[in-house]
Protein backbone atom coordinates (compact mmCIF):
# COMPACT_ATOMS: atom_id res chain seq x y z
CA UNK A 1 0.00 0.00 0.00
CA UNK A 2 2.84 2.40 0.82
CA UNK A 3 4.43 1.83 -2.59
CA UNK A 4 1.12 2.56 -4.30
CA UNK A 5 0.61 5.80 -2.37
CA UNK A 6 4.22 6.87 -2.90
CA UNK A 7 3.98 6.13 -6.61
CA UNK A 8 0.78 8.16 -6.81
CA UNK A 9 2.44 11.16 -5.20
CA UNK A 10 5.40 10.90 -7.59
CA UNK A 11 3.10 10.66 -10.61
CA UNK A 12 1.16 13.70 -9.46
CA UNK A 13 4.39 15.66 -9.13
CA UNK A 14 5.67 14.48 -12.50
CA UNK A 15 2.37 15.32 -14.14
CA UNK A 16 2.45 18.79 -12.63
CA UNK A 17 5.88 19.55 -14.05
CA UNK A 18 5.13 18.01 -17.46
CA UNK A 19 1.86 19.88 -17.90
CA UNK A 20 3.43 23.15 -16.87
CA UNK A 21 6.07 22.84 -19.60
CA UNK A 22 3.62 21.53 -22.17
CA UNK A 23 1.05 24.30 -21.71
CA UNK A 24 1.40 27.68 -23.44
CA UNK A 25 1.97 30.87 -21.51
CA UNK A 26 -1.09 32.50 -20.02
CA UNK A 27 -3.13 34.38 -22.57
CA UNK A 28 -6.06 36.72 -22.05
CA UNK A 29 -8.51 33.80 -21.82
CA UNK A 30 -6.58 32.09 -19.08
CA UNK A 31 -6.01 35.40 -17.29
CA UNK A 32 -9.79 35.75 -17.11
CA UNK A 33 -9.99 32.13 -15.92
CA UNK A 34 -7.86 32.81 -12.83
CA UNK A 35 -8.66 36.46 -12.21
CA UNK A 36 -11.62 35.65 -9.94
CA UNK A 37 -9.50 33.52 -7.65
CA UNK A 38 -9.25 35.36 -4.35
CA UNK A 39 -10.33 33.08 -1.51
CA UNK A 40 -11.32 29.42 -1.52
CA UNK A 41 -12.50 26.82 0.96
CA UNK A 42 -11.93 23.10 0.45
CA UNK A 43 -13.35 19.97 1.99
CA UNK A 44 -11.84 16.53 1.48
CA UNK A 45 -11.61 12.93 2.59
CA UNK A 46 -8.63 10.63 2.31
CA UNK A 47 -6.41 8.02 3.90
CA UNK A 48 -3.09 8.04 5.74
CA UNK A 49 -0.59 5.18 5.69
CA UNK A 50 1.97 5.43 8.51
CA UNK A 51 5.48 4.10 8.01
CA UNK A 52 6.50 1.17 10.19
CA UNK A 53 9.35 1.32 12.68
CA UNK A 54 11.37 -0.95 14.94
CA UNK A 55 11.21 -0.57 18.72
CA UNK A 56 13.29 -2.30 21.42
CA UNK A 57 11.73 -4.89 23.70
CA UNK A 58 11.81 -3.38 27.23
CA UNK A 59 12.25 -6.81 28.83
CA UNK A 60 14.85 -8.31 26.46
CA UNK A 61 17.90 -6.16 25.67
CA UNK A 62 18.95 -6.36 22.02
CA UNK A 63 15.54 -7.60 20.84
CA UNK A 64 13.39 -5.34 18.64
CA UNK A 65 9.86 -5.53 17.32
CA UNK A 66 8.50 -4.31 13.98
CA UNK A 67 5.50 -2.08 14.56
CA UNK A 68 2.98 -1.34 11.80
CA UNK A 69 -0.12 0.88 11.84
CA UNK A 70 -3.35 0.22 9.97
CA UNK A 71 -4.27 2.60 7.17
CA UNK A 72 -6.38 5.36 8.73
CA UNK A 73 -9.24 7.34 7.22
CA UNK A 74 -9.14 11.13 7.43
CA UNK A 75 -11.04 14.26 6.53
CA UNK A 76 -10.29 17.96 6.61
CA UNK A 77 -10.96 21.54 5.54
CA UNK A 78 -8.60 24.16 4.07
CA UNK A 79 -9.00 27.94 3.78
CA UNK A 80 -6.90 29.36 0.92
CA UNK A 81 -5.86 32.86 -0.13
CA UNK A 82 -4.71 33.25 -3.75
CA UNK A 83 -2.06 35.59 -5.12
CA UNK A 84 -1.20 35.11 -8.79
CA UNK A 85 0.02 31.50 -9.16
CA UNK A 86 0.35 30.95 -5.40
CA UNK A 87 -2.14 29.91 -2.77
CA UNK A 88 -1.51 30.29 0.95
CA UNK A 89 -3.35 27.66 2.95
CA UNK A 90 -4.54 27.08 6.51
CA UNK A 91 -5.91 23.61 7.19
CA UNK A 92 -7.44 21.45 9.89
CA UNK A 93 -7.62 17.64 9.68
CA UNK A 94 -8.80 14.72 11.72
CA UNK A 95 -7.01 11.39 11.23
CA UNK A 96 -9.21 8.60 12.52
CA UNK A 97 -8.03 6.03 15.03
CA UNK A 98 -5.57 3.44 13.75
CA UNK A 99 -4.30 0.26 15.44
CA UNK A 100 -0.60 -0.55 15.84
CA UNK A 101 0.40 -4.23 15.67
CA UNK A 102 3.72 -6.04 16.02
CA UNK A 103 5.14 -8.66 13.66
CA UNK A 104 3.18 -11.38 15.48
CA UNK A 105 -0.16 -9.63 15.07
CA UNK A 106 -0.42 -8.50 18.70
CA UNK A 107 -2.34 -5.23 19.11
CA UNK A 108 -0.09 -2.71 20.85
CA UNK A 109 -1.93 0.62 20.83
CA UNK A 110 -4.41 2.85 19.06
CA UNK A 111 -3.68 6.40 17.93
CA UNK A 112 -5.53 9.33 16.32
CA UNK A 113 -4.45 12.86 15.36
CA UNK A 114 -5.75 16.40 14.80
CA UNK A 115 -3.20 18.26 12.61
CA UNK A 116 -3.27 22.02 12.02
CA UNK A 117 -1.07 23.27 9.19
CA UNK A 118 0.09 26.25 7.15
CA UNK A 119 1.40 25.84 3.62
CA UNK A 120 1.93 27.39 0.23
CA UNK A 121 1.15 25.85 -3.17
CA UNK A 122 2.31 26.86 -6.63
CA UNK A 123 -0.30 26.31 -9.37
CA UNK A 124 0.41 25.50 -13.03
CA UNK A 125 -2.66 26.80 -14.88
CA UNK A 126 -3.56 25.03 -18.15
CA UNK A 127 -6.59 24.98 -20.42
CA UNK A 128 -8.11 21.85 -18.82
CA UNK A 129 -6.59 20.90 -15.45
CA UNK A 130 -4.50 22.78 -12.92
CA UNK A 131 -1.63 20.83 -11.34
CA UNK A 132 0.14 22.18 -8.27
CA UNK A 133 2.98 21.45 -5.88
CA UNK A 134 3.47 22.71 -2.34
CA UNK A 135 5.00 22.42 1.10
CA UNK A 136 4.17 23.43 4.64
CA UNK A 137 4.52 23.06 8.38
CA UNK A 138 2.03 22.00 11.01
CA UNK A 139 1.31 21.02 14.59
CA UNK A 140 -0.46 17.79 15.49
CA UNK A 141 -2.53 17.09 18.60
CA UNK A 142 -1.89 13.38 19.20
CA UNK A 143 -3.95 10.93 21.20
CA UNK A 144 -2.99 7.32 21.93
CA UNK A 145 -3.90 4.47 24.28
CA UNK A 146 -2.12 1.19 24.90
CA UNK A 147 -3.92 -2.09 24.32
CA UNK A 148 -4.84 -4.61 27.01
CA UNK A 149 -1.97 -6.75 25.73
CA UNK A 150 0.54 -3.99 26.50
CA UNK A 151 -1.11 -2.84 29.72
CA UNK A 152 -1.04 -6.43 30.96
CA UNK A 153 2.76 -6.39 30.67
CA UNK A 154 3.04 -3.39 32.98
CA UNK A 155 3.71 -0.85 30.22
CA UNK A 156 2.04 2.56 30.11
CA UNK A 157 2.86 5.18 27.44
CA UNK A 158 1.69 8.57 26.22
CA UNK A 159 2.49 10.34 22.93
CA UNK A 160 3.17 14.09 23.08
CA UNK A 161 1.85 16.61 20.55
CA UNK A 162 4.35 17.34 17.80
CA UNK A 163 5.48 19.48 14.85
CA UNK A 164 5.51 18.11 11.31
CA UNK A 165 6.51 19.12 7.79
CA UNK A 166 4.94 18.06 4.53
CA UNK A 167 5.28 18.03 0.75
CA UNK A 168 2.27 17.81 -1.53
CA UNK A 169 1.34 17.59 -5.21
CA UNK A 170 -2.11 17.54 -6.74
CA UNK A 171 -4.32 18.09 -9.75
CA UNK A 172 -7.45 20.26 -9.83
CA UNK A 173 -10.26 20.14 -12.39
CA UNK A 174 -12.08 23.50 -12.42
CA UNK A 175 -15.83 23.77 -13.07
CA UNK A 176 -17.04 27.40 -12.81
CA UNK A 177 -16.65 28.45 -9.16
CA UNK A 178 -15.60 24.97 -8.07
CA UNK A 179 -12.61 22.68 -8.50
CA UNK A 180 -12.43 18.95 -7.88
CA UNK A 181 -9.01 17.72 -6.82
CA UNK A 182 -6.86 14.72 -5.97
CA UNK A 183 -3.66 15.24 -4.00
CA UNK A 184 -0.77 13.19 -2.67
CA UNK A 185 1.02 14.24 0.49
CA UNK A 186 4.02 13.07 2.50
CA UNK A 187 4.31 14.20 6.13
CA UNK A 188 7.47 13.98 8.23
CA UNK A 189 6.78 13.87 11.97
CA UNK A 190 8.41 12.55 15.14
CA UNK A 191 6.65 12.62 18.51
CA UNK A 192 8.08 12.15 21.99
CA UNK A 193 6.81 9.00 23.71
CA UNK A 194 6.91 8.89 27.52
CA UNK A 195 5.79 6.24 29.95
CA UNK A 196 6.70 3.61 32.52
CA UNK A 197 7.60 -0.07 32.48
CA UNK A 198 7.12 -2.33 35.50
CA UNK A 199 9.74 -5.09 35.46
CA UNK A 200 8.93 -8.65 36.68
CA UNK A 201 10.86 -7.83 39.86
CA UNK A 202 8.42 -5.00 40.58
CA UNK A 203 10.91 -2.25 39.75
CA UNK A 204 9.35 0.69 37.87
CA UNK A 205 11.38 2.27 35.07
CA UNK A 206 10.60 5.44 33.18
CA UNK A 207 10.92 5.32 29.40
CA UNK A 208 11.34 8.20 26.97
CA UNK A 209 12.00 7.98 23.23
CA UNK A 210 10.68 9.15 19.89
CA UNK A 211 8.00 7.54 17.77
CA UNK A 212 7.72 8.09 14.02
CA UNK A 213 4.47 9.41 12.58
CA UNK A 214 5.82 9.75 9.02
CA UNK A 215 3.00 9.00 6.62
CA UNK A 216 1.86 8.89 3.00
CA UNK A 217 -1.53 10.45 2.33
CA UNK A 218 -4.02 10.65 -0.54
CA UNK A 219 -6.91 13.16 -0.49
CA UNK A 220 -9.99 13.64 -2.69
CA UNK A 221 -12.05 16.79 -2.39
CA UNK A 222 -13.88 19.81 -3.74
CA UNK A 223 -12.92 23.51 -3.57
CA UNK A 224 -15.24 26.52 -3.74
CA UNK A 225 -13.91 29.95 -4.81
CA UNK A 226 -15.36 33.17 -3.45
C-alpha atoms as a PDB file:
ATOM      1  CA  UNK A   1       0.000   0.000   0.000  1.00  0.00           C
ATOM      2  CA  UNK A   2       2.835   2.404   0.823  1.00  0.00           C
ATOM      3  CA  UNK A   3       4.433   1.832  -2.588  1.00  0.00           C
ATOM      4  CA  UNK A   4       1.116   2.562  -4.299  1.00  0.00           C
ATOM      5  CA  UNK A   5       0.605   5.798  -2.374  1.00  0.00           C
ATOM      6  CA  UNK A   6       4.221   6.875  -2.899  1.00  0.00           C
ATOM      7  CA  UNK A   7       3.976   6.126  -6.611  1.00  0.00           C
ATOM      8  CA  UNK A   8       0.785   8.156  -6.811  1.00  0.00           C
ATOM      9  CA  UNK A   9       2.436  11.161  -5.200  1.00  0.00           C
ATOM     10  CA  UNK A  10       5.401  10.896  -7.589  1.00  0.00           C
ATOM     11  CA  UNK A  11       3.100  10.660 -10.611  1.00  0.00           C
ATOM     12  CA  UNK A  12       1.161  13.703  -9.459  1.00  0.00           C
ATOM     13  CA  UNK A  13       4.389  15.658  -9.126  1.00  0.00           C
ATOM     14  CA  UNK A  14       5.673  14.484 -12.504  1.00  0.00           C
ATOM     15  CA  UNK A  15       2.372  15.320 -14.145  1.00  0.00           C
ATOM     16  CA  UNK A  16       2.450  18.791 -12.635  1.00  0.00           C
ATOM     17  CA  UNK A  17       5.877  19.549 -14.048  1.00  0.00           C
ATOM     18  CA  UNK A  18       5.130  18.007 -17.459  1.00  0.00           C
ATOM     19  CA  UNK A  19       1.860  19.877 -17.901  1.00  0.00           C
ATOM     20  CA  UNK A  20       3.433  23.155 -16.865  1.00  0.00           C
ATOM     21  CA  UNK A  21       6.069  22.838 -19.599  1.00  0.00           C
ATOM     22  CA  UNK A  22       3.618  21.526 -22.169  1.00  0.00           C
ATOM     23  CA  UNK A  23       1.045  24.299 -21.709  1.00  0.00           C
ATOM     24  CA  UNK A  24       1.404  27.678 -23.445  1.00  0.00           C
ATOM     25  CA  UNK A  25       1.972  30.871 -21.505  1.00  0.00           C
ATOM     26  CA  UNK A  26      -1.086  32.500 -20.021  1.00  0.00           C
ATOM     27  CA  UNK A  27      -3.129  34.382 -22.574  1.00  0.00           C
ATOM     28  CA  UNK A  28      -6.056  36.724 -22.052  1.00  0.00           C
ATOM     29  CA  UNK A  29      -8.508  33.798 -21.822  1.00  0.00           C
ATOM     30  CA  UNK A  30      -6.577  32.095 -19.081  1.00  0.00           C
ATOM     31  CA  UNK A  31      -6.010  35.396 -17.288  1.00  0.00           C
ATOM     32  CA  UNK A  32      -9.789  35.747 -17.105  1.00  0.00           C
ATOM     33  CA  UNK A  33      -9.988  32.128 -15.919  1.00  0.00           C
ATOM     34  CA  UNK A  34      -7.864  32.806 -12.826  1.00  0.00           C
ATOM     35  CA  UNK A  35      -8.664  36.459 -12.211  1.00  0.00           C
ATOM     36  CA  UNK A  36     -11.622  35.648  -9.940  1.00  0.00           C
ATOM     37  CA  UNK A  37      -9.502  33.517  -7.653  1.00  0.00           C
ATOM     38  CA  UNK A  38      -9.247  35.357  -4.351  1.00  0.00           C
ATOM     39  CA  UNK A  39     -10.330  33.078  -1.515  1.00  0.00           C
ATOM     40  CA  UNK A  40     -11.321  29.421  -1.517  1.00  0.00           C
ATOM     41  CA  UNK A  41     -12.504  26.819   0.960  1.00  0.00           C
ATOM     42  CA  UNK A  42     -11.930  23.098   0.454  1.00  0.00           C
ATOM     43  CA  UNK A  43     -13.354  19.968   1.992  1.00  0.00           C
ATOM     44  CA  UNK A  44     -11.838  16.525   1.480  1.00  0.00           C
ATOM     45  CA  UNK A  45     -11.611  12.932   2.593  1.00  0.00           C
ATOM     46  CA  UNK A  46      -8.634  10.627   2.313  1.00  0.00           C
ATOM     47  CA  UNK A  47      -6.411   8.021   3.902  1.00  0.00           C
ATOM     48  CA  UNK A  48      -3.086   8.036   5.735  1.00  0.00           C
ATOM     49  CA  UNK A  49      -0.591   5.176   5.693  1.00  0.00           C
ATOM     50  CA  UNK A  50       1.970   5.434   8.512  1.00  0.00           C
ATOM     51  CA  UNK A  51       5.485   4.096   8.006  1.00  0.00           C
ATOM     52  CA  UNK A  52       6.504   1.173  10.190  1.00  0.00           C
ATOM     53  CA  UNK A  53       9.354   1.320  12.683  1.00  0.00           C
ATOM     54  CA  UNK A  54      11.371  -0.951  14.945  1.00  0.00           C
ATOM     55  CA  UNK A  55      11.210  -0.567  18.717  1.00  0.00           C
ATOM     56  CA  UNK A  56      13.286  -2.301  21.421  1.00  0.00           C
ATOM     57  CA  UNK A  57      11.731  -4.886  23.702  1.00  0.00           C
ATOM     58  CA  UNK A  58      11.814  -3.381  27.233  1.00  0.00           C
ATOM     59  CA  UNK A  59      12.251  -6.809  28.831  1.00  0.00           C
ATOM     60  CA  UNK A  60      14.848  -8.306  26.456  1.00  0.00           C
ATOM     61  CA  UNK A  61      17.904  -6.155  25.669  1.00  0.00           C
ATOM     62  CA  UNK A  62      18.952  -6.356  22.017  1.00  0.00           C
ATOM     63  CA  UNK A  63      15.544  -7.604  20.835  1.00  0.00           C
ATOM     64  CA  UNK A  64      13.394  -5.337  18.643  1.00  0.00           C
ATOM     65  CA  UNK A  65       9.862  -5.534  17.316  1.00  0.00           C
ATOM     66  CA  UNK A  66       8.504  -4.306  13.983  1.00  0.00           C
ATOM     67  CA  UNK A  67       5.497  -2.076  14.564  1.00  0.00           C
ATOM     68  CA  UNK A  68       2.976  -1.345  11.803  1.00  0.00           C
ATOM     69  CA  UNK A  69      -0.121   0.880  11.840  1.00  0.00           C
ATOM     70  CA  UNK A  70      -3.347   0.222   9.968  1.00  0.00           C
ATOM     71  CA  UNK A  71      -4.272   2.599   7.166  1.00  0.00           C
ATOM     72  CA  UNK A  72      -6.385   5.360   8.725  1.00  0.00           C
ATOM     73  CA  UNK A  73      -9.235   7.342   7.215  1.00  0.00           C
ATOM     74  CA  UNK A  74      -9.136  11.132   7.434  1.00  0.00           C
ATOM     75  CA  UNK A  75     -11.043  14.263   6.532  1.00  0.00           C
ATOM     76  CA  UNK A  76     -10.292  17.960   6.610  1.00  0.00           C
ATOM     77  CA  UNK A  77     -10.956  21.541   5.536  1.00  0.00           C
ATOM     78  CA  UNK A  78      -8.599  24.162   4.068  1.00  0.00           C
ATOM     79  CA  UNK A  79      -9.004  27.937   3.780  1.00  0.00           C
ATOM     80  CA  UNK A  80      -6.896  29.362   0.922  1.00  0.00           C
ATOM     81  CA  UNK A  81      -5.858  32.863  -0.130  1.00  0.00           C
ATOM     82  CA  UNK A  82      -4.709  33.248  -3.753  1.00  0.00           C
ATOM     83  CA  UNK A  83      -2.064  35.594  -5.121  1.00  0.00           C
ATOM     84  CA  UNK A  84      -1.195  35.113  -8.794  1.00  0.00           C
ATOM     85  CA  UNK A  85       0.021  31.502  -9.160  1.00  0.00           C
ATOM     86  CA  UNK A  86       0.353  30.951  -5.404  1.00  0.00           C
ATOM     87  CA  UNK A  87      -2.142  29.915  -2.767  1.00  0.00           C
ATOM     88  CA  UNK A  88      -1.511  30.289   0.952  1.00  0.00           C
ATOM     89  CA  UNK A  89      -3.351  27.660   2.952  1.00  0.00           C
ATOM     90  CA  UNK A  90      -4.536  27.081   6.508  1.00  0.00           C
ATOM     91  CA  UNK A  91      -5.905  23.610   7.193  1.00  0.00           C
ATOM     92  CA  UNK A  92      -7.442  21.453   9.887  1.00  0.00           C
ATOM     93  CA  UNK A  93      -7.621  17.643   9.675  1.00  0.00           C
ATOM     94  CA  UNK A  94      -8.797  14.719  11.718  1.00  0.00           C
ATOM     95  CA  UNK A  95      -7.013  11.395  11.227  1.00  0.00           C
ATOM     96  CA  UNK A  96      -9.210   8.600  12.518  1.00  0.00           C
ATOM     97  CA  UNK A  97      -8.034   6.030  15.035  1.00  0.00           C
ATOM     98  CA  UNK A  98      -5.569   3.437  13.754  1.00  0.00           C
ATOM     99  CA  UNK A  99      -4.304   0.263  15.435  1.00  0.00           C
ATOM    100  CA  UNK A 100      -0.605  -0.553  15.838  1.00  0.00           C
ATOM    101  CA  UNK A 101       0.403  -4.233  15.670  1.00  0.00           C
ATOM    102  CA  UNK A 102       3.723  -6.037  16.024  1.00  0.00           C
ATOM    103  CA  UNK A 103       5.145  -8.657  13.656  1.00  0.00           C
ATOM    104  CA  UNK A 104       3.184 -11.382  15.479  1.00  0.00           C
ATOM    105  CA  UNK A 105      -0.155  -9.627  15.067  1.00  0.00           C
ATOM    106  CA  UNK A 106      -0.422  -8.499  18.696  1.00  0.00           C
ATOM    107  CA  UNK A 107      -2.342  -5.230  19.105  1.00  0.00           C
ATOM    108  CA  UNK A 108      -0.090  -2.709  20.851  1.00  0.00           C
ATOM    109  CA  UNK A 109      -1.925   0.624  20.829  1.00  0.00           C
ATOM    110  CA  UNK A 110      -4.413   2.847  19.059  1.00  0.00           C
ATOM    111  CA  UNK A 111      -3.679   6.398  17.930  1.00  0.00           C
ATOM    112  CA  UNK A 112      -5.529   9.329  16.317  1.00  0.00           C
ATOM    113  CA  UNK A 113      -4.449  12.859  15.364  1.00  0.00           C
ATOM    114  CA  UNK A 114      -5.748  16.395  14.797  1.00  0.00           C
ATOM    115  CA  UNK A 115      -3.204  18.256  12.608  1.00  0.00           C
ATOM    116  CA  UNK A 116      -3.269  22.023  12.021  1.00  0.00           C
ATOM    117  CA  UNK A 117      -1.067  23.268   9.187  1.00  0.00           C
ATOM    118  CA  UNK A 118       0.088  26.254   7.145  1.00  0.00           C
ATOM    119  CA  UNK A 119       1.403  25.845   3.621  1.00  0.00           C
ATOM    120  CA  UNK A 120       1.935  27.387   0.230  1.00  0.00           C
ATOM    121  CA  UNK A 121       1.145  25.852  -3.174  1.00  0.00           C
ATOM    122  CA  UNK A 122       2.307  26.861  -6.634  1.00  0.00           C
ATOM    123  CA  UNK A 123      -0.304  26.312  -9.367  1.00  0.00           C
ATOM    124  CA  UNK A 124       0.405  25.501 -13.032  1.00  0.00           C
ATOM    125  CA  UNK A 125      -2.661  26.805 -14.876  1.00  0.00           C
ATOM    126  CA  UNK A 126      -3.558  25.028 -18.146  1.00  0.00           C
ATOM    127  CA  UNK A 127      -6.594  24.976 -20.420  1.00  0.00           C
ATOM    128  CA  UNK A 128      -8.105  21.847 -18.822  1.00  0.00           C
ATOM    129  CA  UNK A 129      -6.587  20.901 -15.446  1.00  0.00           C
ATOM    130  CA  UNK A 130      -4.503  22.784 -12.918  1.00  0.00           C
ATOM    131  CA  UNK A 131      -1.626  20.826 -11.337  1.00  0.00           C
ATOM    132  CA  UNK A 132       0.138  22.176  -8.265  1.00  0.00           C
ATOM    133  CA  UNK A 133       2.978  21.447  -5.877  1.00  0.00           C
ATOM    134  CA  UNK A 134       3.473  22.714  -2.343  1.00  0.00           C
ATOM    135  CA  UNK A 135       5.000  22.417   1.096  1.00  0.00           C
ATOM    136  CA  UNK A 136       4.169  23.430   4.641  1.00  0.00           C
ATOM    137  CA  UNK A 137       4.518  23.056   8.378  1.00  0.00           C
ATOM    138  CA  UNK A 138       2.027  21.998  11.013  1.00  0.00           C
ATOM    139  CA  UNK A 139       1.306  21.024  14.593  1.00  0.00           C
ATOM    140  CA  UNK A 140      -0.462  17.794  15.489  1.00  0.00           C
ATOM    141  CA  UNK A 141      -2.529  17.088  18.597  1.00  0.00           C
ATOM    142  CA  UNK A 142      -1.893  13.380  19.197  1.00  0.00           C
ATOM    143  CA  UNK A 143      -3.954  10.925  21.197  1.00  0.00           C
ATOM    144  CA  UNK A 144      -2.990   7.322  21.934  1.00  0.00           C
ATOM    145  CA  UNK A 145      -3.902   4.471  24.276  1.00  0.00           C
ATOM    146  CA  UNK A 146      -2.120   1.194  24.903  1.00  0.00           C
ATOM    147  CA  UNK A 147      -3.924  -2.090  24.325  1.00  0.00           C
ATOM    148  CA  UNK A 148      -4.844  -4.605  27.013  1.00  0.00           C
ATOM    149  CA  UNK A 149      -1.972  -6.754  25.728  1.00  0.00           C
ATOM    150  CA  UNK A 150       0.539  -3.993  26.499  1.00  0.00           C
ATOM    151  CA  UNK A 151      -1.110  -2.837  29.721  1.00  0.00           C
ATOM    152  CA  UNK A 152      -1.037  -6.429  30.955  1.00  0.00           C
ATOM    153  CA  UNK A 153       2.759  -6.394  30.672  1.00  0.00           C
ATOM    154  CA  UNK A 154       3.044  -3.390  32.976  1.00  0.00           C
ATOM    155  CA  UNK A 155       3.710  -0.850  30.217  1.00  0.00           C
ATOM    156  CA  UNK A 156       2.044   2.557  30.115  1.00  0.00           C
ATOM    157  CA  UNK A 157       2.859   5.179  27.444  1.00  0.00           C
ATOM    158  CA  UNK A 158       1.692   8.571  26.219  1.00  0.00           C
ATOM    159  CA  UNK A 159       2.489  10.343  22.935  1.00  0.00           C
ATOM    160  CA  UNK A 160       3.172  14.092  23.082  1.00  0.00           C
ATOM    161  CA  UNK A 161       1.847  16.606  20.550  1.00  0.00           C
ATOM    162  CA  UNK A 162       4.355  17.337  17.796  1.00  0.00           C
ATOM    163  CA  UNK A 163       5.484  19.483  14.853  1.00  0.00           C
ATOM    164  CA  UNK A 164       5.505  18.106  11.314  1.00  0.00           C
ATOM    165  CA  UNK A 165       6.513  19.121   7.792  1.00  0.00           C
ATOM    166  CA  UNK A 166       4.938  18.064   4.528  1.00  0.00           C
ATOM    167  CA  UNK A 167       5.279  18.027   0.748  1.00  0.00           C
ATOM    168  CA  UNK A 168       2.268  17.807  -1.528  1.00  0.00           C
ATOM    169  CA  UNK A 169       1.341  17.588  -5.215  1.00  0.00           C
ATOM    170  CA  UNK A 170      -2.109  17.541  -6.740  1.00  0.00           C
ATOM    171  CA  UNK A 171      -4.320  18.092  -9.754  1.00  0.00           C
ATOM    172  CA  UNK A 172      -7.446  20.264  -9.829  1.00  0.00           C
ATOM    173  CA  UNK A 173     -10.260  20.137 -12.389  1.00  0.00           C
ATOM    174  CA  UNK A 174     -12.084  23.499 -12.420  1.00  0.00           C
ATOM    175  CA  UNK A 175     -15.834  23.772 -13.073  1.00  0.00           C
ATOM    176  CA  UNK A 176     -17.041  27.397 -12.815  1.00  0.00           C
ATOM    177  CA  UNK A 177     -16.653  28.451  -9.159  1.00  0.00           C
ATOM    178  CA  UNK A 178     -15.601  24.970  -8.074  1.00  0.00           C
ATOM    179  CA  UNK A 179     -12.614  22.676  -8.502  1.00  0.00           C
ATOM    180  CA  UNK A 180     -12.431  18.949  -7.880  1.00  0.00           C
ATOM    181  CA  UNK A 181      -9.008  17.717  -6.821  1.00  0.00           C
ATOM    182  CA  UNK A 182      -6.862  14.723  -5.972  1.00  0.00           C
ATOM    183  CA  UNK A 183      -3.660  15.237  -4.001  1.00  0.00           C
ATOM    184  CA  UNK A 184      -0.774  13.192  -2.668  1.00  0.00           C
ATOM    185  CA  UNK A 185       1.023  14.240   0.486  1.00  0.00           C
ATOM    186  CA  UNK A 186       4.022  13.074   2.501  1.00  0.00           C
ATOM    187  CA  UNK A 187       4.309  14.200   6.129  1.00  0.00           C
ATOM    188  CA  UNK A 188       7.466  13.983   8.235  1.00  0.00           C
ATOM    189  CA  UNK A 189       6.784  13.872  11.967  1.00  0.00           C
ATOM    190  CA  UNK A 190       8.412  12.552  15.144  1.00  0.00           C
ATOM    191  CA  UNK A 191       6.651  12.622  18.506  1.00  0.00           C
ATOM    192  CA  UNK A 192       8.076  12.147  21.992  1.00  0.00           C
ATOM    193  CA  UNK A 193       6.814   9.005  23.714  1.00  0.00           C
ATOM    194  CA  UNK A 194       6.907   8.894  27.519  1.00  0.00           C
ATOM    195  CA  UNK A 195       5.793   6.238  29.949  1.00  0.00           C
ATOM    196  CA  UNK A 196       6.704   3.614  32.523  1.00  0.00           C
ATOM    197  CA  UNK A 197       7.597  -0.074  32.477  1.00  0.00           C
ATOM    198  CA  UNK A 198       7.124  -2.330  35.496  1.00  0.00           C
ATOM    199  CA  UNK A 199       9.740  -5.091  35.464  1.00  0.00           C
ATOM    200  CA  UNK A 200       8.934  -8.653  36.680  1.00  0.00           C
ATOM    201  CA  UNK A 201      10.863  -7.834  39.862  1.00  0.00           C
ATOM    202  CA  UNK A 202       8.422  -5.003  40.576  1.00  0.00           C
ATOM    203  CA  UNK A 203      10.910  -2.249  39.753  1.00  0.00           C
ATOM    204  CA  UNK A 204       9.351   0.691  37.866  1.00  0.00           C
ATOM    205  CA  UNK A 205      11.375   2.275  35.074  1.00  0.00           C
ATOM    206  CA  UNK A 206      10.601   5.443  33.182  1.00  0.00           C
ATOM    207  CA  UNK A 207      10.924   5.320  29.397  1.00  0.00           C
ATOM    208  CA  UNK A 208      11.336   8.205  26.972  1.00  0.00           C
ATOM    209  CA  UNK A 209      12.003   7.977  23.234  1.00  0.00           C
ATOM    210  CA  UNK A 210      10.677   9.149  19.889  1.00  0.00           C
ATOM    211  CA  UNK A 211       8.003   7.543  17.768  1.00  0.00           C
ATOM    212  CA  UNK A 212       7.722   8.089  14.020  1.00  0.00           C
ATOM    213  CA  UNK A 213       4.471   9.413  12.576  1.00  0.00           C
ATOM    214  CA  UNK A 214       5.816   9.748   9.019  1.00  0.00           C
ATOM    215  CA  UNK A 215       3.000   8.999   6.620  1.00  0.00           C
ATOM    216  CA  UNK A 216       1.861   8.889   2.995  1.00  0.00           C
ATOM    217  CA  UNK A 217      -1.530  10.453   2.326  1.00  0.00           C
ATOM    218  CA  UNK A 218      -4.020  10.649  -0.541  1.00  0.00           C
ATOM    219  CA  UNK A 219      -6.906  13.156  -0.494  1.00  0.00           C
ATOM    220  CA  UNK A 220      -9.995  13.643  -2.688  1.00  0.00           C
ATOM    221  CA  UNK A 221     -12.050  16.792  -2.390  1.00  0.00           C
ATOM    222  CA  UNK A 222     -13.879  19.810  -3.742  1.00  0.00           C
ATOM    223  CA  UNK A 223     -12.918  23.506  -3.566  1.00  0.00           C
ATOM    224  CA  UNK A 224     -15.236  26.520  -3.739  1.00  0.00           C
ATOM    225  CA  UNK A 225     -13.907  29.947  -4.806  1.00  0.00           C
ATOM    226  CA  UNK A 226     -15.356  33.169  -3.447  1.00  0.00           C
END
